[in-house]
PDB file of N, CA and C in Angstrom:
ATOM      1  N   MET A   1     216.973 112.756-168.753  1.00  0.00           N
ATOM      2  CA  MET A   1     216.567 113.891-167.921  1.00  0.00           C
ATOM      3  C   MET A   1     216.078 113.345-166.584  1.00  0.00           C
ATOM      4  N   TYR A   2     216.640 113.829-165.521  1.00  0.00           N
ATOM      5  CA  TYR A   2     216.147 113.435-164.210  1.00  0.00           C
ATOM      6  C   TYR A   2     215.003 114.350-163.816  1.00  0.00           C
ATOM      7  N   GLY A   3     214.157 113.907-162.896  1.00  0.00           N
ATOM      8  CA  GLY A   3     212.951 114.652-162.555  1.00  0.00           C
ATOM      9  C   GLY A   3     213.183 116.065-162.080  1.00  0.00           C
ATOM     10  N   GLY A   4     214.327 116.350-161.446  1.00  0.00           N
ATOM     11  CA  GLY A   4     214.599 117.669-160.913  1.00  0.00           C
ATOM     12  C   GLY A   4     214.844 118.730-161.966  1.00  0.00           C
ATOM     13  N   GLU A   5     215.167 118.319-163.194  1.00  0.00           N
ATOM     14  CA  GLU A   5     215.452 119.306-164.231  1.00  0.00           C
ATOM     15  C   GLU A   5     214.255 120.184-164.523  1.00  0.00           C
ATOM     16  N   GLN A   6     213.071 119.629-164.472  1.00  0.00           N
ATOM     17  CA  GLN A   6     211.877 120.434-164.725  1.00  0.00           C
ATOM     18  C   GLN A   6     211.725 121.516-163.663  1.00  0.00           C
ATOM     19  N   LEU A   7     212.197 121.256-162.461  1.00  0.00           N
ATOM     20  CA  LEU A   7     212.106 122.246-161.391  1.00  0.00           C
ATOM     21  C   LEU A   7     213.050 123.420-161.617  1.00  0.00           C
ATOM     22  N   LEU A   8     214.119 123.202-162.376  1.00  0.00           N
ATOM     23  CA  LEU A   8     215.113 124.256-162.588  1.00  0.00           C
ATOM     24  C   LEU A   8     214.713 125.234-163.673  1.00  0.00           C
ATOM     25  N   ASN A   9     213.995 124.786-164.674  1.00  0.00           N
ATOM     26  CA  ASN A   9     213.686 125.629-165.823  1.00  0.00           C
ATOM     27  C   ASN A   9     212.976 126.915-165.416  1.00  0.00           C
ATOM     28  N   GLY A  10     213.571 128.043-165.818  1.00  0.00           N
ATOM     29  CA  GLY A  10     212.975 129.351-165.552  1.00  0.00           C
ATOM     30  C   GLY A  10     213.243 129.901-164.164  1.00  0.00           C
ATOM     31  N   ARG A  11     213.922 129.153-163.324  1.00  0.00           N
ATOM     32  CA  ARG A  11     214.259 129.640-161.983  1.00  0.00           C
ATOM     33  C   ARG A  11     215.557 130.424-162.039  1.00  0.00           C
ATOM     34  N   VAL A  12     215.764 131.288-161.073  1.00  0.00           N
ATOM     35  CA  VAL A  12     216.986 132.077-160.999  1.00  0.00           C
ATOM     36  C   VAL A  12     217.944 131.393-160.036  1.00  0.00           C
ATOM     37  N   TYR A  13     219.194 131.238-160.474  1.00  0.00           N
ATOM     38  CA  TYR A  13     220.229 130.645-159.627  1.00  0.00           C
ATOM     39  C   TYR A  13     220.320 131.430-158.316  1.00  0.00           C
ATOM     40  N   GLY A  14     220.326 130.749-157.214  1.00  0.00           N
ATOM     41  CA  GLY A  14     220.417 131.383-155.903  1.00  0.00           C
ATOM     42  C   GLY A  14     219.071 131.603-155.233  1.00  0.00           C
ATOM     43  N   ALA A  15     217.970 131.411-155.975  1.00  0.00           N
ATOM     44  CA  ALA A  15     216.639 131.555-155.370  1.00  0.00           C
ATOM     45  C   ALA A  15     216.413 130.388-154.405  1.00  0.00           C
ATOM     46  N   GLU A  16     215.762 130.655-153.320  1.00  0.00           N
ATOM     47  CA  GLU A  16     215.464 129.609-152.339  1.00  0.00           C
ATOM     48  C   GLU A  16     214.533 128.571-152.958  1.00  0.00           C
ATOM     49  N   HIS A  17     214.712 127.309-152.574  1.00  0.00           N
ATOM     50  CA  HIS A  17     213.910 126.232-153.158  1.00  0.00           C
ATOM     51  C   HIS A  17     212.420 126.388-152.887  1.00  0.00           C
ATOM     52  N   ASP A  18     212.066 127.077-151.802  1.00  0.00           N
ATOM     53  CA  ASP A  18     210.648 127.235-151.463  1.00  0.00           C
ATOM     54  C   ASP A  18     210.123 128.647-151.787  1.00  0.00           C
ATOM     55  N   ASP A  19     210.894 129.404-152.552  1.00  0.00           N
ATOM     56  CA  ASP A  19     210.476 130.745-152.956  1.00  0.00           C
ATOM     57  C   ASP A  19     209.231 130.627-153.842  1.00  0.00           C
ATOM     58  N   PRO A  20     208.126 131.288-153.490  1.00  0.00           N
ATOM     59  CA  PRO A  20     206.917 131.179-154.309  1.00  0.00           C
ATOM     60  C   PRO A  20     207.056 131.839-155.685  1.00  0.00           C
ATOM     61  N   HIS A  21     208.040 132.719-155.862  1.00  0.00           N
ATOM     62  CA  HIS A  21     208.261 133.408-157.138  1.00  0.00           C
ATOM     63  C   HIS A  21     209.747 133.329-157.499  1.00  0.00           C
ATOM     64  N   PRO A  22     210.222 132.128-157.904  1.00  0.00           N
ATOM     65  CA  PRO A  22     211.653 131.957-158.163  1.00  0.00           C
ATOM     66  C   PRO A  22     212.106 132.404-159.544  1.00  0.00           C
ATOM     67  N   GLY A  23     211.191 132.969-160.316  1.00  0.00           N
ATOM     68  CA  GLY A  23     211.506 133.352-161.688  1.00  0.00           C
ATOM     69  C   GLY A  23     212.201 134.690-161.786  1.00  0.00           C
ATOM     70  N   PRO A  24     212.481 135.115-163.016  1.00  0.00           N
ATOM     71  CA  PRO A  24     213.183 136.376-163.230  1.00  0.00           C
ATOM     72  C   PRO A  24     212.339 137.588-162.855  1.00  0.00           C
ATOM     73  N   LEU A  25     213.030 138.644-162.471  1.00  0.00           N
ATOM     74  CA  LEU A  25     212.381 139.909-162.132  1.00  0.00           C
ATOM     75  C   LEU A  25     212.413 140.830-163.343  1.00  0.00           C
ATOM     76  N   PRO A  26     211.401 141.670-163.481  1.00  0.00           N
ATOM     77  CA  PRO A  26     211.403 142.620-164.594  1.00  0.00           C
ATOM     78  C   PRO A  26     212.603 143.570-164.492  1.00  0.00           C
ATOM     79  N   HIS A  27     213.060 144.039-165.617  1.00  0.00           N
ATOM     80  CA  HIS A  27     214.115 145.051-165.696  1.00  0.00           C
ATOM     81  C   HIS A  27     215.459 144.547-165.188  1.00  0.00           C
ATOM     82  N   ARG A  28     215.682 143.233-165.225  1.00  0.00           N
ATOM     83  CA  ARG A  28     216.980 142.651-164.892  1.00  0.00           C
ATOM     84  C   ARG A  28     217.462 141.902-166.132  1.00  0.00           C
ATOM     85  N   THR A  29     218.746 141.639-166.217  1.00  0.00           N
ATOM     86  CA  THR A  29     219.307 140.902-167.345  1.00  0.00           C
ATOM     87  C   THR A  29     219.777 139.544-166.840  1.00  0.00           C
ATOM     88  N   TYR A  30     219.405 138.498-167.577  1.00  0.00           N
ATOM     89  CA  TYR A  30     219.724 137.132-167.170  1.00  0.00           C
ATOM     90  C   TYR A  30     220.424 136.393-168.296  1.00  0.00           C
ATOM     91  N   ALA A  31     221.225 135.416-167.915  1.00  0.00           N
ATOM     92  CA  ALA A  31     221.819 134.488-168.868  1.00  0.00           C
ATOM     93  C   ALA A  31     221.305 133.105-168.509  1.00  0.00           C
ATOM     94  N   GLU A  32     220.911 132.339-169.520  1.00  0.00           N
ATOM     95  CA  GLU A  32     220.430 130.979-169.288  1.00  0.00           C
ATOM     96  C   GLU A  32     221.621 130.026-169.248  1.00  0.00           C
ATOM     97  N   LEU A  33     221.635 129.142-168.256  1.00  0.00           N
ATOM     98  CA  LEU A  33     222.704 128.160-168.131  1.00  0.00           C
ATOM     99  C   LEU A  33     222.412 126.971-169.034  1.00  0.00           C
ATOM    100  N   VAL A  34     223.400 126.598-169.844  1.00  0.00           N
ATOM    101  CA  VAL A  34     223.262 125.499-170.793  1.00  0.00           C
ATOM    102  C   VAL A  34     224.572 124.720-170.811  1.00  0.00           C
ATOM    103  N   GLY A  35     224.474 123.395-170.770  1.00  0.00           N
ATOM    104  CA  GLY A  35     225.663 122.554-170.916  1.00  0.00           C
ATOM    105  C   GLY A  35     226.269 122.084-169.610  1.00  0.00           C
ATOM    106  N   GLY A  36     225.484 122.000-168.555  1.00  0.00           N
ATOM    107  CA  GLY A  36     225.991 121.533-167.267  1.00  0.00           C
ATOM    108  C   GLY A  36     224.849 121.108-166.371  1.00  0.00           C
ATOM    109  N   PRO A  37     225.146 120.813-165.118  1.00  0.00           N
ATOM    110  CA  PRO A  37     224.114 120.312-164.210  1.00  0.00           C
ATOM    111  C   PRO A  37     223.047 121.321-163.816  1.00  0.00           C
ATOM    112  N   LEU A  38     223.286 122.587-164.079  1.00  0.00           N
ATOM    113  CA  LEU A  38     222.306 123.622-163.724  1.00  0.00           C
ATOM    114  C   LEU A  38     221.523 124.104-164.939  1.00  0.00           C
ATOM    115  N   ASP A  39     221.482 123.287-165.991  1.00  0.00           N
ATOM    116  CA  ASP A  39     220.761 123.654-167.216  1.00  0.00           C
ATOM    117  C   ASP A  39     219.352 124.132-166.909  1.00  0.00           C
ATOM    118  N   GLY A  40     218.970 125.209-167.558  1.00  0.00           N
ATOM    119  CA  GLY A  40     217.626 125.746-167.404  1.00  0.00           C
ATOM    120  C   GLY A  40     217.535 126.860-166.384  1.00  0.00           C
ATOM    121  N   LEU A  41     218.503 126.946-165.458  1.00  0.00           N
ATOM    122  CA  LEU A  41     218.492 128.049-164.502  1.00  0.00           C
ATOM    123  C   LEU A  41     218.928 129.327-165.191  1.00  0.00           C
ATOM    124  N   LEU A  42     218.516 130.440-164.634  1.00  0.00           N
ATOM    125  CA  LEU A  42     218.932 131.755-165.107  1.00  0.00           C
ATOM    126  C   LEU A  42     219.880 132.368-164.086  1.00  0.00           C
ATOM    127  N   VAL A  43     220.909 133.047-164.558  1.00  0.00           N
ATOM    128  CA  VAL A  43     221.839 133.763-163.687  1.00  0.00           C
ATOM    129  C   VAL A  43     221.619 135.248-163.906  1.00  0.00           C
ATOM    130  N   ASP A  44     221.430 135.983-162.825  1.00  0.00           N
ATOM    131  CA  ASP A  44     221.242 137.429-162.895  1.00  0.00           C
ATOM    132  C   ASP A  44     222.598 138.073-163.165  1.00  0.00           C
ATOM    133  N   ILE A  45     222.759 138.621-164.369  1.00  0.00           N
ATOM    134  CA  ILE A  45     224.016 139.272-164.746  1.00  0.00           C
ATOM    135  C   ILE A  45     223.817 140.773-164.926  1.00  0.00           C
ATOM    136  N   HIS A  46     222.754 141.289-164.348  1.00  0.00           N
ATOM    137  CA  HIS A  46     222.361 142.689-164.551  1.00  0.00           C
ATOM    138  C   HIS A  46     223.468 143.682-164.215  1.00  0.00           C
ATOM    139  N   GLU A  47     224.167 143.476-163.138  1.00  0.00           N
ATOM    140  CA  GLU A  47     225.179 144.439-162.700  1.00  0.00           C
ATOM    141  C   GLU A  47     226.598 143.979-163.008  1.00  0.00           C
ATOM    142  N   TRP A  48     226.736 142.931-163.801  1.00  0.00           N
ATOM    143  CA  TRP A  48     228.061 142.437-164.165  1.00  0.00           C
ATOM    144  C   TRP A  48     228.672 143.321-165.244  1.00  0.00           C
ATOM    145  N   GLN A  49     229.970 143.469-165.196  1.00  0.00           N
ATOM    146  CA  GLN A  49     230.709 144.147-166.259  1.00  0.00           C
ATOM    147  C   GLN A  49     230.846 143.192-167.440  1.00  0.00           C
ATOM    148  N   THR A  50     231.014 143.727-168.637  1.00  0.00           N
ATOM    149  CA  THR A  50     231.155 142.902-169.840  1.00  0.00           C
ATOM    150  C   THR A  50     232.269 141.879-169.668  1.00  0.00           C
ATOM    151  N   GLU A  51     233.374 142.267-169.074  1.00  0.00           N
ATOM    152  CA  GLU A  51     234.503 141.360-168.885  1.00  0.00           C
ATOM    153  C   GLU A  51     234.121 140.183-167.987  1.00  0.00           C
ATOM    154  N   GLU A  52     233.303 140.441-166.972  1.00  0.00           N
ATOM    155  CA  GLU A  52     232.876 139.369-166.076  1.00  0.00           C
ATOM    156  C   GLU A  52     232.015 138.350-166.816  1.00  0.00           C
ATOM    157  N   VAL A  53     231.132 138.836-167.675  1.00  0.00           N
ATOM    158  CA  VAL A  53     230.279 137.944-168.460  1.00  0.00           C
ATOM    159  C   VAL A  53     231.141 137.146-169.427  1.00  0.00           C
ATOM    160  N   ASP A  54     232.057 137.815-170.099  1.00  0.00           N
ATOM    161  CA  ASP A  54     232.898 137.165-171.100  1.00  0.00           C
ATOM    162  C   ASP A  54     233.834 136.124-170.499  1.00  0.00           C
ATOM    163  N   ASP A  55     234.206 136.287-169.222  1.00  0.00           N
ATOM    164  CA  ASP A  55     235.110 135.337-168.562  1.00  0.00           C
ATOM    165  C   ASP A  55     234.401 134.063-168.134  1.00  0.00           C
ATOM    166  N   GLY A  56     233.083 134.057-168.099  1.00  0.00           N
ATOM    167  CA  GLY A  56     232.356 132.889-167.616  1.00  0.00           C
ATOM    168  C   GLY A  56     232.252 132.920-166.104  1.00  0.00           C
ATOM    169  N   VAL A  57     231.702 131.838-165.549  1.00  0.00           N
ATOM    170  CA  VAL A  57     231.445 131.840-164.113  1.00  0.00           C
ATOM    171  C   VAL A  57     231.558 130.418-163.557  1.00  0.00           C
ATOM    172  N   ALA A  58     231.998 130.319-162.312  1.00  0.00           N
ATOM    173  CA  ALA A  58     232.018 129.050-161.577  1.00  0.00           C
ATOM    174  C   ALA A  58     230.940 129.156-160.499  1.00  0.00           C
ATOM    175  N   LEU A  59     229.935 128.296-160.569  1.00  0.00           N
ATOM    176  CA  LEU A  59     228.807 128.349-159.639  1.00  0.00           C
ATOM    177  C   LEU A  59     228.805 127.143-158.709  1.00  0.00           C
ATOM    178  N   ALA A  60     228.587 127.387-157.441  1.00  0.00           N
ATOM    179  CA  ALA A  60     228.480 126.300-156.464  1.00  0.00           C
ATOM    180  C   ALA A  60     227.205 125.511-156.745  1.00  0.00           C
ATOM    181  N   THR A  61     227.297 124.187-156.610  1.00  0.00           N
ATOM    182  CA  THR A  61     226.126 123.349-156.845  1.00  0.00           C
ATOM    183  C   THR A  61     226.220 122.032-156.092  1.00  0.00           C
ATOM    184  N   GLU A  62     225.078 121.535-155.713  1.00  0.00           N
ATOM    185  CA  GLU A  62     224.966 120.196-155.142  1.00  0.00           C
ATOM    186  C   GLU A  62     224.522 119.209-156.220  1.00  0.00           C
ATOM    187  N   LEU A  63     224.259 119.695-157.434  1.00  0.00           N
ATOM    188  CA  LEU A  63     223.736 118.867-158.516  1.00  0.00           C
ATOM    189  C   LEU A  63     224.823 118.451-159.495  1.00  0.00           C
ATOM    190  N   SER A  64     226.002 118.145-159.007  1.00  0.00           N
ATOM    191  CA  SER A  64     227.089 117.752-159.889  1.00  0.00           C
ATOM    192  C   SER A  64     227.641 116.403-159.458  1.00  0.00           C
ATOM    193  N   ARG A  65     228.619 115.942-160.195  1.00  0.00           N
ATOM    194  CA  ARG A  65     229.270 114.678-159.851  1.00  0.00           C
ATOM    195  C   ARG A  65     229.881 114.748-158.462  1.00  0.00           C
ATOM    196  N   TRP A  66     230.361 115.928-158.072  1.00  0.00           N
ATOM    197  CA  TRP A  66     230.960 116.124-156.761  1.00  0.00           C
ATOM    198  C   TRP A  66     230.153 117.162-155.998  1.00  0.00           C
ATOM    199  N   PRO A  67     229.136 116.726-155.253  1.00  0.00           N
ATOM    200  CA  PRO A  67     228.298 117.679-154.507  1.00  0.00           C
ATOM    201  C   PRO A  67     229.147 118.604-153.635  1.00  0.00           C
ATOM    202  N   GLY A  68     228.749 119.861-153.615  1.00  0.00           N
ATOM    203  CA  GLY A  68     229.505 120.866-152.885  1.00  0.00           C
ATOM    204  C   GLY A  68     230.590 121.483-153.748  1.00  0.00           C
ATOM    205  N   GLY A  69     230.690 121.020-154.976  1.00  0.00           N
ATOM    206  CA  GLY A  69     231.695 121.535-155.893  1.00  0.00           C
ATOM    207  C   GLY A  69     231.180 122.706-156.696  1.00  0.00           C
ATOM    208  N   ARG A  70     231.842 122.947-157.792  1.00  0.00           N
ATOM    209  CA  ARG A  70     231.465 124.046-158.667  1.00  0.00           C
ATOM    210  C   ARG A  70     231.292 123.523-160.086  1.00  0.00           C
ATOM    211  N   THR A  71     230.458 124.204-160.827  1.00  0.00           N
ATOM    212  CA  THR A  71     230.283 123.905-162.234  1.00  0.00           C
ATOM    213  C   THR A  71     230.637 125.160-163.014  1.00  0.00           C
ATOM    214  N   LEU A  72     231.296 124.990-164.144  1.00  0.00           N
ATOM    215  CA  LEU A  72     231.784 126.112-164.933  1.00  0.00           C
ATOM    216  C   LEU A  72     230.885 126.355-166.135  1.00  0.00           C
ATOM    217  N   TYR A  73     230.586 127.609-166.372  1.00  0.00           N
ATOM    218  CA  TYR A  73     229.794 128.009-167.530  1.00  0.00           C
ATOM    219  C   TYR A  73     230.497 129.155-168.235  1.00  0.00           C
ATOM    220  N   ASP A  74     230.560 129.055-169.554  1.00  0.00           N
ATOM    221  CA  ASP A  74     231.094 130.125-170.394  1.00  0.00           C
ATOM    222  C   ASP A  74     229.968 130.674-171.251  1.00  0.00           C
ATOM    223  N   PRO A  75     230.059 131.933-171.659  1.00  0.00           N
ATOM    224  CA  PRO A  75     229.013 132.477-172.536  1.00  0.00           C
ATOM    225  C   PRO A  75     229.068 131.809-173.903  1.00  0.00           C
ATOM    226  N   ARG A  76     227.901 131.677-174.513  1.00  0.00           N
ATOM    227  CA  ARG A  76     227.852 131.179-175.885  1.00  0.00           C
ATOM    228  C   ARG A  76     228.220 132.326-176.806  1.00  0.00           C
ATOM    229  N   PRO A  77     229.094 132.075-177.772  1.00  0.00           N
ATOM    230  CA  PRO A  77     229.480 133.150-178.698  1.00  0.00           C
ATOM    231  C   PRO A  77     228.253 133.731-179.407  1.00  0.00           C
ATOM    232  N   GLY A  78     228.166 135.045-179.396  1.00  0.00           N
ATOM    233  CA  GLY A  78     227.080 135.721-180.090  1.00  0.00           C
ATOM    234  C   GLY A  78     225.756 135.699-179.368  1.00  0.00           C
ATOM    235  N   GLU A  79     225.709 135.191-178.149  1.00  0.00           N
ATOM    236  CA  GLU A  79     224.457 135.124-177.395  1.00  0.00           C
ATOM    237  C   GLU A  79     224.001 136.535-177.035  1.00  0.00           C
ATOM    238  N   PRO A  80     222.780 136.921-177.420  1.00  0.00           N
ATOM    239  CA  PRO A  80     222.310 138.255-177.047  1.00  0.00           C
ATOM    240  C   PRO A  80     222.028 138.333-175.550  1.00  0.00           C
ATOM    241  N   ARG A  81     222.272 139.484-174.985  1.00  0.00           N
ATOM    242  CA  ARG A  81     222.020 139.708-173.562  1.00  0.00           C
ATOM    243  C   ARG A  81     220.858 140.681-173.460  1.00  0.00           C
ATOM    244  N   THR A  82     219.688 140.125-173.308  1.00  0.00           N
ATOM    245  CA  THR A  82     218.479 140.956-173.299  1.00  0.00           C
ATOM    246  C   THR A  82     217.871 140.991-171.910  1.00  0.00           C
ATOM    247  N   PRO A  83     217.249 142.094-171.530  1.00  0.00           N
ATOM    248  CA  PRO A  83     216.587 142.175-170.238  1.00  0.00           C
ATOM    249  C   PRO A  83     215.359 141.271-170.193  1.00  0.00           C
ATOM    250  N   ALA A  84     214.969 140.931-168.995  1.00  0.00           N
ATOM    251  CA  ALA A  84     213.749 140.130-168.804  1.00  0.00           C
ATOM    252  C   ALA A  84     212.545 140.963-169.220  1.00  0.00           C
ATOM    253  N   PRO A  85     211.433 140.303-169.559  1.00  0.00           N
ATOM    254  CA  PRO A  85     210.236 141.066-169.919  1.00  0.00           C
ATOM    255  C   PRO A  85     209.755 141.933-168.766  1.00  0.00           C
ATOM    256  N   GLY A  86     209.196 143.077-169.087  1.00  0.00           N
ATOM    257  CA  GLY A  86     208.632 143.944-168.060  1.00  0.00           C
ATOM    258  C   GLY A  86     209.320 145.187-167.993  1.00  0.00           C
TER     259      GLY A  86
END
């Protein structure tokens, strides 16, 4: 684990690095990223269609083998999609 991973846990993908409240917002639905360089981040999927969630997502990242590239995430089978607390 590199030191930056602790900074990612519980943060929302796309939040500014200096955002004082980078965590999830109440009444939104998030998916946790697992199995790639953005592990621990949350992606806001609140307004996504079921098909969009099921297809997975390619996210831009500087935290990969090829900075400026994309990392691919697919949904985990059977993963519940629950709203954030609040």
